[in-house]
Amino acid sequence: MTKRYKFRFFGSVQGVGFRYTARHAANRYRLTGYVKNEYDGSVTCEVQGNEAEIDAFITTVRNGRYIEISSMDRTSLPVEEDERSFEVRY
């Protein structure tokens, strides 16, 4: 069953390759959505796909070489039926 979540990551998450790690992980697990840096130093990410793949995505991002997530918020969202890719937003 397809799910969609909005994540907000805090910690050492900007300037450490977070967005590109997220894009690589999303493509690896065939997820759609986006990732974006926020002005307050956090990173917002919306991810859509199978629950197991989303969990694997989070694990992969957490294990990024320079990424240090101190906390993370997770919110359920409605599925976007027409979404077909994962993008880095600026």
N, C-alpha and C. Protein backbone atom coordinates (compact mmCIF):
# COMPACT_ATOMS: atom_id res chain seq x y z
N MET A 1 0.83 -1.18 0.00
CA MET A 1 0.00 0.00 0.00
C MET A 1 0.88 1.26 0.00
N THR A 2 0.56 2.18 -0.85
CA THR A 2 1.34 3.40 -0.98
C THR A 2 1.03 4.38 0.15
N LYS A 3 2.09 4.94 0.72
CA LYS A 3 1.98 5.93 1.79
C LYS A 3 2.76 7.18 1.38
N ARG A 4 2.45 8.30 2.01
CA ARG A 4 3.22 9.53 1.80
C ARG A 4 3.44 10.19 3.15
N TYR A 5 4.69 10.58 3.39
CA TYR A 5 5.05 11.24 4.63
C TYR A 5 5.85 12.50 4.36
N LYS A 6 5.68 13.46 5.24
CA LYS A 6 6.54 14.64 5.24
C LYS A 6 7.46 14.51 6.44
N PHE A 7 8.75 14.60 6.19
CA PHE A 7 9.76 14.52 7.23
C PHE A 7 10.43 15.88 7.37
N ARG A 8 10.79 16.21 8.59
CA ARG A 8 11.59 17.41 8.85
C ARG A 8 12.78 16.93 9.66
N PHE A 9 13.97 17.11 9.12
CA PHE A 9 15.20 16.63 9.75
C PHE A 9 15.96 17.81 10.37
N PHE A 10 16.45 17.62 11.57
CA PHE A 10 17.22 18.63 12.29
C PHE A 10 18.57 18.05 12.67
N GLY A 11 19.56 18.91 12.83
CA GLY A 11 20.90 18.48 13.20
C GLY A 11 21.89 18.99 12.17
N SER A 12 22.93 18.22 11.92
CA SER A 12 23.91 18.55 10.89
C SER A 12 23.41 17.96 9.58
N VAL A 13 22.50 18.70 8.92
CA VAL A 13 21.82 18.17 7.75
C VAL A 13 21.95 19.06 6.51
N GLN A 14 22.61 20.21 6.65
CA GLN A 14 22.86 21.05 5.48
C GLN A 14 24.36 21.16 5.26
N GLY A 15 24.76 21.18 3.99
CA GLY A 15 26.18 21.28 3.67
C GLY A 15 26.93 19.97 3.85
N VAL A 16 26.20 18.86 3.96
CA VAL A 16 26.83 17.55 4.18
C VAL A 16 26.38 16.52 3.14
N GLY A 17 25.76 16.97 2.05
CA GLY A 17 25.32 16.05 1.01
C GLY A 17 23.99 15.37 1.30
N PHE A 18 23.22 15.93 2.23
CA PHE A 18 21.96 15.30 2.63
C PHE A 18 21.00 15.15 1.45
N ARG A 19 20.78 16.23 0.69
CA ARG A 19 19.80 16.19 -0.40
C ARG A 19 20.18 15.16 -1.46
N TYR A 20 21.46 15.07 -1.75
CA TYR A 20 21.90 14.13 -2.79
C TYR A 20 21.88 12.69 -2.28
N THR A 21 22.15 12.51 -1.00
CA THR A 21 22.00 11.19 -0.40
C THR A 21 20.54 10.77 -0.44
N ALA A 22 19.64 11.72 -0.11
CA ALA A 22 18.20 11.44 -0.14
C ALA A 22 17.74 11.10 -1.56
N ARG A 23 18.20 11.84 -2.54
CA ARG A 23 17.80 11.56 -3.93
C ARG A 23 18.29 10.18 -4.36
N HIS A 24 19.52 9.85 -4.03
CA HIS A 24 20.07 8.54 -4.39
C HIS A 24 19.26 7.42 -3.71
N ALA A 25 18.97 7.59 -2.42
CA ALA A 25 18.20 6.58 -1.68
C ALA A 25 16.79 6.45 -2.23
N ALA A 26 16.16 7.57 -2.55
CA ALA A 26 14.79 7.53 -3.10
C ALA A 26 14.78 6.79 -4.43
N ASN A 27 15.75 7.05 -5.27
CA ASN A 27 15.82 6.35 -6.56
C ASN A 27 16.10 4.86 -6.35
N ARG A 28 16.95 4.55 -5.39
CA ARG A 28 17.28 3.16 -5.09
C ARG A 28 16.04 2.36 -4.66
N TYR A 29 15.19 3.01 -3.85
CA TYR A 29 14.00 2.32 -3.33
C TYR A 29 12.73 2.65 -4.12
N ARG A 30 12.89 3.32 -5.26
CA ARG A 30 11.76 3.65 -6.15
C ARG A 30 10.68 4.46 -5.46
N LEU A 31 11.12 5.49 -4.76
CA LEU A 31 10.21 6.39 -4.06
C LEU A 31 10.08 7.69 -4.85
N THR A 32 8.99 8.40 -4.63
CA THR A 32 8.80 9.70 -5.26
C THR A 32 8.72 10.76 -4.17
N GLY A 33 8.80 12.04 -4.59
CA GLY A 33 8.70 13.15 -3.66
C GLY A 33 9.75 14.19 -3.92
N TYR A 34 10.21 14.82 -2.84
CA TYR A 34 11.24 15.86 -2.98
C TYR A 34 11.98 16.05 -1.66
N VAL A 35 13.11 16.75 -1.74
CA VAL A 35 13.89 17.13 -0.57
C VAL A 35 14.31 18.58 -0.78
N LYS A 36 14.33 19.35 0.33
CA LYS A 36 14.61 20.78 0.23
C LYS A 36 15.23 21.31 1.51
N ASN A 37 16.27 22.15 1.38
CA ASN A 37 16.84 22.84 2.53
C ASN A 37 15.89 23.95 2.97
N GLU A 38 15.81 24.17 4.29
CA GLU A 38 14.99 25.24 4.83
C GLU A 38 15.89 26.33 5.40
N TYR A 39 15.36 27.53 5.54
CA TYR A 39 16.15 28.67 6.01
C TYR A 39 16.63 28.52 7.45
N ASP A 40 15.94 27.72 8.24
CA ASP A 40 16.34 27.56 9.65
C ASP A 40 17.42 26.50 9.85
N GLY A 41 17.95 25.93 8.76
CA GLY A 41 19.01 24.91 8.86
C GLY A 41 18.51 23.49 8.84
N SER A 42 17.20 23.30 8.82
CA SER A 42 16.63 21.96 8.74
C SER A 42 16.45 21.56 7.27
N VAL A 43 16.02 20.32 7.06
CA VAL A 43 15.73 19.82 5.72
C VAL A 43 14.33 19.22 5.74
N THR A 44 13.52 19.59 4.75
CA THR A 44 12.18 19.03 4.59
C THR A 44 12.22 18.02 3.45
N CYS A 45 11.49 16.93 3.64
CA CYS A 45 11.47 15.88 2.63
C CYS A 45 10.07 15.26 2.61
N GLU A 46 9.47 15.15 1.44
CA GLU A 46 8.24 14.38 1.28
C GLU A 46 8.59 13.14 0.49
N VAL A 47 8.16 12.00 1.00
CA VAL A 47 8.49 10.71 0.40
C VAL A 47 7.22 9.89 0.24
N GLN A 48 7.09 9.27 -0.92
CA GLN A 48 5.92 8.45 -1.21
C GLN A 48 6.33 7.10 -1.75
N GLY A 49 5.69 6.05 -1.24
CA GLY A 49 5.97 4.70 -1.70
C GLY A 49 5.52 3.69 -0.67
N ASN A 50 6.05 2.50 -0.77
CA ASN A 50 5.75 1.40 0.15
C ASN A 50 6.39 1.68 1.51
N GLU A 51 5.70 1.34 2.58
CA GLU A 51 6.19 1.60 3.95
C GLU A 51 7.58 1.02 4.19
N ALA A 52 7.82 -0.20 3.75
CA ALA A 52 9.13 -0.84 3.97
C ALA A 52 10.24 -0.07 3.25
N GLU A 53 9.97 0.39 2.03
CA GLU A 53 10.97 1.15 1.28
C GLU A 53 11.21 2.52 1.91
N ILE A 54 10.16 3.12 2.45
CA ILE A 54 10.33 4.41 3.14
C ILE A 54 11.20 4.23 4.37
N ASP A 55 10.98 3.16 5.12
CA ASP A 55 11.83 2.87 6.29
C ASP A 55 13.28 2.65 5.87
N ALA A 56 13.49 1.93 4.78
CA ALA A 56 14.84 1.70 4.27
C ALA A 56 15.49 3.02 3.82
N PHE A 57 14.70 3.89 3.22
CA PHE A 57 15.16 5.22 2.81
C PHE A 57 15.68 6.00 4.02
N ILE A 58 14.90 6.02 5.10
CA ILE A 58 15.29 6.74 6.31
C ILE A 58 16.58 6.16 6.89
N THR A 59 16.68 4.86 6.92
CA THR A 59 17.90 4.22 7.42
C THR A 59 19.11 4.61 6.58
N THR A 60 18.96 4.60 5.26
CA THR A 60 20.05 4.96 4.37
C THR A 60 20.49 6.41 4.59
N VAL A 61 19.52 7.31 4.70
CA VAL A 61 19.85 8.72 4.92
C VAL A 61 20.54 8.90 6.28
N ARG A 62 20.03 8.26 7.31
CA ARG A 62 20.64 8.35 8.65
C ARG A 62 22.10 7.89 8.65
N ASN A 63 22.42 6.93 7.78
CA ASN A 63 23.77 6.37 7.73
C ASN A 63 24.68 7.12 6.76
N GLY A 64 24.21 8.25 6.24
CA GLY A 64 25.04 9.06 5.34
C GLY A 64 26.34 9.46 6.03
N ARG A 65 27.40 9.55 5.26
CA ARG A 65 28.75 9.73 5.80
C ARG A 65 28.88 10.91 6.76
N TYR A 66 28.42 12.10 6.42
CA TYR A 66 28.59 13.27 7.27
C TYR A 66 27.29 13.74 7.91
N ILE A 67 26.22 13.04 7.64
CA ILE A 67 24.90 13.43 8.13
C ILE A 67 24.74 13.03 9.59
N GLU A 68 24.31 13.98 10.41
CA GLU A 68 24.03 13.71 11.83
C GLU A 68 22.65 14.27 12.15
N ILE A 69 21.65 13.40 12.19
CA ILE A 69 20.28 13.81 12.48
C ILE A 69 20.07 13.78 13.99
N SER A 70 19.75 14.95 14.56
CA SER A 70 19.51 15.01 16.01
C SER A 70 18.05 14.73 16.34
N SER A 71 17.15 15.11 15.44
CA SER A 71 15.72 14.80 15.61
C SER A 71 15.03 14.84 14.26
N MET A 72 13.83 14.25 14.24
CA MET A 72 13.09 14.13 12.99
C MET A 72 11.60 14.15 13.30
N ASP A 73 10.85 14.95 12.56
CA ASP A 73 9.39 14.96 12.64
C ASP A 73 8.84 14.19 11.45
N ARG A 74 7.73 13.48 11.68
CA ARG A 74 7.11 12.69 10.61
C ARG A 74 5.60 12.95 10.62
N THR A 75 5.06 13.35 9.45
CA THR A 75 3.63 13.65 9.32
C THR A 75 3.07 12.88 8.14
N SER A 76 1.93 12.25 8.33
CA SER A 76 1.24 11.54 7.24
C SER A 76 0.58 12.55 6.31
N LEU A 77 0.65 12.30 5.00
CA LEU A 77 0.03 13.17 3.99
C LEU A 77 -0.80 12.32 3.04
N PRO A 78 -1.72 12.96 2.30
CA PRO A 78 -2.45 12.23 1.26
C PRO A 78 -1.49 11.84 0.11
N VAL A 79 -1.72 10.71 -0.49
CA VAL A 79 -0.91 10.24 -1.62
C VAL A 79 -1.16 11.12 -2.83
N GLU A 80 -0.10 11.44 -3.56
CA GLU A 80 -0.21 12.19 -4.82
C GLU A 80 -0.10 11.18 -5.96
N GLU A 81 -1.24 10.84 -6.53
CA GLU A 81 -1.33 9.77 -7.54
C GLU A 81 -0.48 10.00 -8.78
N ASP A 82 -0.33 11.25 -9.22
CA ASP A 82 0.35 11.54 -10.48
C ASP A 82 1.86 11.76 -10.34
N GLU A 83 2.38 11.69 -9.15
CA GLU A 83 3.81 11.93 -8.95
C GLU A 83 4.62 10.75 -9.46
N ARG A 84 5.69 11.05 -10.22
CA ARG A 84 6.46 9.98 -10.85
C ARG A 84 7.95 10.00 -10.54
N SER A 85 8.45 11.01 -9.81
CA SER A 85 9.89 11.09 -9.59
C SER A 85 10.19 11.72 -8.25
N PHE A 86 11.47 11.72 -7.89
CA PHE A 86 11.97 12.36 -6.68
C PHE A 86 12.92 13.46 -7.11
N GLU A 87 12.75 14.65 -6.55
CA GLU A 87 13.58 15.77 -6.99
C GLU A 87 14.20 16.53 -5.82
N VAL A 88 15.31 17.18 -6.11
CA VAL A 88 15.95 18.09 -5.18
C VAL A 88 15.40 19.48 -5.51
N ARG A 89 14.79 20.13 -4.53
CA ARG A 89 14.26 21.48 -4.73
C ARG A 89 15.18 22.49 -4.10
N TYR A 90 15.22 23.66 -4.72
CA TYR A 90 16.08 24.75 -4.25
C TYR A 90 15.28 25.94 -3.81
